[in-house]
Amino acid sequence: MAQARGLGKKYIKAFFKGFFVAVPVTVTFLDRVACVARVEGASMQPSLNPGGRQASDVVLLNHWSIRNYDVQRGDIVSLV
């Protein structure tokens, strides 16, 4: 029984170490490199949400290109 408690403590400690590393890395990635967003509504038809369907599309927003001013004609830009 004592071994099980020691093993449980070891796994909990490893989980929290991984958690405190993974959260800042994930937040930095989503803020600086790319994130996933949902596009709803008729404003982007027919490129997104074609045919007037009610379902939403999921897109990957590339933050890296915006930071490097690598926007070209025909690109879709999302503003907050």
Protein backbone atom coordinates (compact mmCIF):
# COMPACT_ATOMS: atom_id res chain seq x y z
CA MET A 1 0.00 0.00 0.00
CA ALA A 2 2.87 2.36 0.79
CA GLN A 3 4.31 1.74 -2.66
CA ALA A 4 1.01 2.74 -4.26
CA ARG A 5 0.99 6.05 -2.37
CA GLY A 6 4.57 6.78 -3.39
CA LEU A 7 3.77 5.92 -6.98
CA GLY A 8 0.66 8.15 -6.89
CA LYS A 9 2.67 11.07 -5.52
CA LYS A 10 5.26 10.56 -8.24
CA TYR A 11 2.63 10.69 -10.98
CA ILE A 12 0.93 13.75 -9.50
CA LYS A 13 4.27 15.54 -9.25
CA ALA A 14 5.10 14.66 -12.87
CA PHE A 15 1.65 15.84 -13.99
CA PHE A 16 2.06 19.24 -12.35
CA LYS A 17 5.58 19.66 -13.75
CA GLY A 18 4.27 18.93 -17.24
CA PHE A 19 1.27 21.19 -16.71
CA PHE A 20 3.39 24.16 -15.68
CA VAL A 21 5.56 23.70 -18.77
CA ALA A 22 2.76 22.96 -21.27
CA VAL A 23 0.47 25.87 -20.39
CA PRO A 24 2.98 28.70 -21.04
CA VAL A 25 4.22 27.00 -24.22
CA THR A 26 0.66 26.60 -25.51
CA VAL A 27 -0.35 30.16 -24.65
CA THR A 28 2.78 31.53 -26.35
CA PHE A 29 2.13 29.42 -29.46
CA LEU A 30 -1.50 30.53 -29.72
CA ASP A 31 -0.52 34.17 -29.22
CA ARG A 32 2.53 34.36 -31.51
CA VAL A 33 2.28 31.65 -34.18
CA ALA A 34 -1.26 30.48 -34.95
CA CYS A 35 -4.66 29.76 -33.47
CA VAL A 36 -7.91 28.12 -34.50
CA ALA A 37 -11.05 30.21 -35.01
CA ARG A 38 -14.65 29.59 -36.03
CA VAL A 39 -16.21 31.55 -38.91
CA GLU A 40 -19.98 31.95 -38.80
CA GLY A 41 -22.44 34.05 -40.71
CA ALA A 42 -22.92 35.27 -44.24
CA SER A 43 -20.16 37.87 -44.35
CA MET A 44 -17.58 35.50 -45.85
CA GLN A 45 -19.83 33.67 -48.32
CA PRO A 46 -19.15 32.08 -50.80
CA SER A 47 -15.49 31.56 -49.74
CA LEU A 48 -16.44 30.28 -46.29
CA ASN A 49 -19.80 28.76 -45.36
CA PRO A 50 -20.75 28.11 -49.02
CA GLY A 51 -24.31 27.54 -50.07
CA GLY A 52 -25.84 29.47 -47.20
CA ARG A 53 -25.62 26.50 -44.86
CA GLN A 54 -25.89 27.20 -41.15
CA ALA A 55 -22.79 25.21 -40.14
CA SER A 56 -19.67 27.15 -39.21
CA ASP A 57 -16.21 26.66 -40.71
CA VAL A 58 -13.05 26.29 -38.66
CA VAL A 59 -9.94 28.09 -39.92
CA LEU A 60 -6.32 28.39 -38.84
CA LEU A 61 -5.27 32.00 -38.27
CA ASN A 62 -1.59 32.52 -39.06
CA HIS A 63 -0.22 35.20 -36.73
CA TRP A 64 3.33 34.74 -38.01
CA SER A 65 2.57 36.20 -41.47
CA ILE A 66 0.91 39.27 -39.97
CA ARG A 67 3.91 39.97 -37.74
CA ASN A 68 6.21 39.79 -40.79
CA TYR A 69 3.86 41.89 -42.97
CA ASP A 70 3.52 38.99 -45.41
CA VAL A 71 -0.09 39.73 -46.42
CA GLN A 72 -0.95 39.46 -50.10
CA ARG A 73 -3.94 40.18 -52.26
CA GLY A 74 -6.57 37.46 -51.89
CA ASP A 75 -5.65 36.57 -48.29
CA ILE A 76 -8.43 36.44 -45.74
CA VAL A 77 -7.70 38.66 -42.74
CA SER A 78 -9.53 38.36 -39.43
CA LEU A 79 -9.89 41.41 -37.18
CA VAL A 80 -11.01 41.50 -33.58
